[in-house]
Structures are given as C-alpha cells and as structure tokens.
Amino acid sequence: NKSKERSDIELRKRLLELVTEREAAEQNNDIAQITLIDEETAQIERKLKRHTVARKRKQRDPMNEKARKGISATIYRAIAEIENQNAALAEHLKAHLTPVRFPYRYTADTSKTWETE
C-alpha cells in the first residue's frame, strides 16, 4: 500500500501541474485544451477519492464498529426514555449530540440553563 501512497502523491503533483496548464490554456483562450485538462482533473480526483474511501474502509476495525453501533443504540434508547419525562431535554440532546468518529460529540447550547430536582 506504499505504492498506492506514492501513486497518490504523483496524482496530487499532477493536479498541481494541471492548475498551471489550465491557467495557460485560459490565457490562450484554448477551449479544447481546457476541456482536456478538466477531464483529466476529474479523472484524477475520482481516483484519489476511491483510494481515500478504500483506505478508510480498511481502517475500520470490526470490533470498534460493533462497539460504536452498540453505543449509538444505547444513546438513542436513553434519549427516547428521557423524551417521556422531559421532551425539551430530549430535543436538546438530539440537536447537540452529533456522531463523530467514536462515537459522539456534545456541543453545548450556552443560551440554555437546565435545572434538576
């Protein structure tokens, strides 16, 4: 997979070259060359995206994924139970809990204050 990394580096270098080539083609008003450059750029971007997606998929550990799903399910069940007692709090949690890598991030709403009994 080092070869893919090297390939990605070469592709990124080529993208930089294409930027320069496109600027020159624009200055020369060379529509045919601009079209070719845009097609090559799109092709390289698609290839880089495929490599990135494949790398991310490979990095996912099945045990971590199982744990993430279990934690997510537990959080959703807890919010559903909270909703029976305090709908405003449940809505707040739904709005401010966001799934981020593993497993959630809470962003506080500083405009609200909560009182507990």
Protein backbone atom coordinates (compact mmCIF):
# COMPACT_ATOMS: atom_id res chain seq x y z
CA ASN A 1 0.00 0.00 0.00
CA LYS A 2 3.06 2.19 0.00
CA SER A 3 2.78 2.02 -3.79
CA LYS A 4 -0.75 3.49 -3.55
CA GLU A 5 0.58 6.26 -1.32
CA ARG A 6 3.32 7.00 -3.86
CA SER A 7 0.72 6.90 -6.61
CA ASP A 8 -1.47 9.36 -4.67
CA ILE A 9 1.50 11.72 -4.27
CA GLU A 10 2.15 11.57 -8.01
CA LEU A 11 -1.52 12.20 -8.74
CA ARG A 12 -1.57 15.24 -6.44
CA LYS A 13 1.56 16.58 -8.15
CA ARG A 14 -0.17 16.14 -11.49
CA LEU A 15 -3.20 18.06 -10.20
CA LEU A 16 -0.92 20.98 -9.36
CA GLU A 17 0.58 20.83 -12.85
CA LEU A 18 -2.91 20.81 -14.35
CA VAL A 19 -3.78 24.01 -12.49
CA THR A 20 -0.85 25.76 -14.15
CA GLU A 21 -1.65 24.24 -17.53
CA ARG A 22 -5.29 25.31 -17.25
CA GLU A 23 -4.29 28.89 -16.42
CA ALA A 24 -2.11 28.97 -19.55
CA ALA A 25 -4.91 27.49 -21.65
CA GLU A 26 -7.34 30.11 -20.30
CA GLN A 27 -4.91 32.91 -21.19
CA ASN A 28 -4.66 31.48 -24.71
CA ASN A 29 -8.43 31.00 -24.84
CA ASP A 30 -7.80 27.35 -25.82
CA ILE A 31 -11.20 25.77 -25.11
CA ALA A 32 -10.17 22.33 -26.41
CA GLN A 33 -7.16 22.21 -24.07
CA ILE A 34 -9.26 23.43 -21.13
CA THR A 35 -11.74 20.62 -21.79
CA LEU A 36 -8.96 18.00 -21.85
CA ILE A 37 -7.44 19.40 -18.65
CA ASP A 38 -10.82 19.42 -16.89
CA GLU A 39 -11.44 15.80 -17.92
CA GLU A 40 -8.03 14.68 -16.65
CA THR A 41 -8.53 16.63 -13.42
CA ALA A 42 -11.92 14.99 -12.82
CA GLN A 43 -10.45 11.55 -13.53
CA ILE A 44 -7.60 12.08 -11.05
CA GLU A 45 -9.97 13.44 -8.39
CA ARG A 46 -12.22 10.37 -8.77
CA LYS A 47 -9.22 8.06 -8.43
CA LEU A 48 -7.98 9.87 -5.32
CA LYS A 49 -11.45 9.72 -3.80
CA ARG A 50 -11.66 5.96 -4.43
CA HIS A 51 -8.27 5.45 -2.79
CA THR A 52 -9.32 7.52 0.24
CA VAL A 53 -12.62 5.67 0.65
CA ALA A 54 -10.89 2.29 0.31
CA ARG A 55 -8.27 3.29 2.89
CA LYS A 56 -10.93 4.43 5.36
CA ARG A 57 -12.91 1.22 4.89
CA LYS A 58 -9.82 -0.86 5.50
CA GLN A 59 -9.02 1.08 8.68
CA ARG A 60 -12.37 0.30 10.29
CA ASP A 61 -11.89 -2.33 12.91
CA PRO A 62 -14.93 -4.67 13.12
CA MET A 63 -14.79 -4.67 16.92
CA ASN A 64 -14.77 -0.88 17.04
CA GLU A 65 -17.65 -0.78 14.59
CA LYS A 66 -19.65 -3.20 16.74
CA ALA A 67 -18.94 -1.12 19.85
CA ARG A 68 -19.86 2.11 18.02
CA LYS A 69 -23.20 0.65 16.93
CA GLY A 70 -23.94 -0.61 20.44
CA ILE A 71 -23.15 2.75 21.99
CA SER A 72 -25.27 4.55 19.40
CA ALA A 73 -28.24 2.27 20.07
CA THR A 74 -27.88 2.82 23.83
CA ILE A 75 -27.78 6.60 23.39
CA TYR A 76 -30.89 6.57 21.17
CA ARG A 77 -32.77 4.39 23.67
CA ALA A 78 -31.77 6.69 26.55
CA ILE A 79 -32.95 9.77 24.66
CA ALA A 80 -36.26 8.03 23.90
CA GLU A 81 -36.72 7.33 27.62
CA ILE A 82 -35.80 10.92 28.52
CA GLU A 83 -38.36 12.14 25.98
CA ASN A 84 -41.14 10.51 28.04
CA GLN A 85 -40.15 12.63 31.04
CA ASN A 86 -38.69 15.79 29.51
CA ALA A 87 -39.35 16.46 25.81
CA ALA A 88 -37.33 19.69 25.81
CA LEU A 89 -34.23 17.96 27.13
CA ALA A 90 -34.63 15.14 24.61
CA GLU A 91 -34.87 17.63 21.73
CA HIS A 92 -31.82 19.45 23.08
CA LEU A 93 -29.81 16.22 23.17
CA LYS A 94 -30.91 15.26 19.66
CA ALA A 95 -29.83 18.65 18.39
CA HIS A 96 -26.48 18.75 20.19
CA LEU A 97 -25.22 15.17 20.06
CA THR A 98 -23.50 14.53 16.77
CA PRO A 99 -21.89 11.31 15.61
CA VAL A 100 -18.15 11.88 15.23
CA ARG A 101 -15.73 9.00 14.68
CA PHE A 102 -16.15 7.30 18.05
CA PRO A 103 -18.94 7.69 18.94
CA TYR A 104 -20.48 11.11 19.70
CA ARG A 105 -19.62 14.72 20.37
CA TYR A 106 -21.74 17.00 22.54
CA THR A 107 -21.82 20.69 21.66
CA ALA A 108 -23.37 22.71 24.44
CA ASP A 109 -26.04 25.31 23.86
CA THR A 110 -24.86 28.07 26.17
CA SER A 111 -28.08 30.02 25.79
CA LYS A 112 -29.99 27.44 27.89
CA THR A 113 -29.75 26.66 31.56
CA TRP A 114 -31.15 23.48 32.99
CA GLU A 115 -32.43 22.93 36.48
CA THR A 116 -32.59 19.49 38.01
CA GLU A 117 -34.53 18.32 41.01
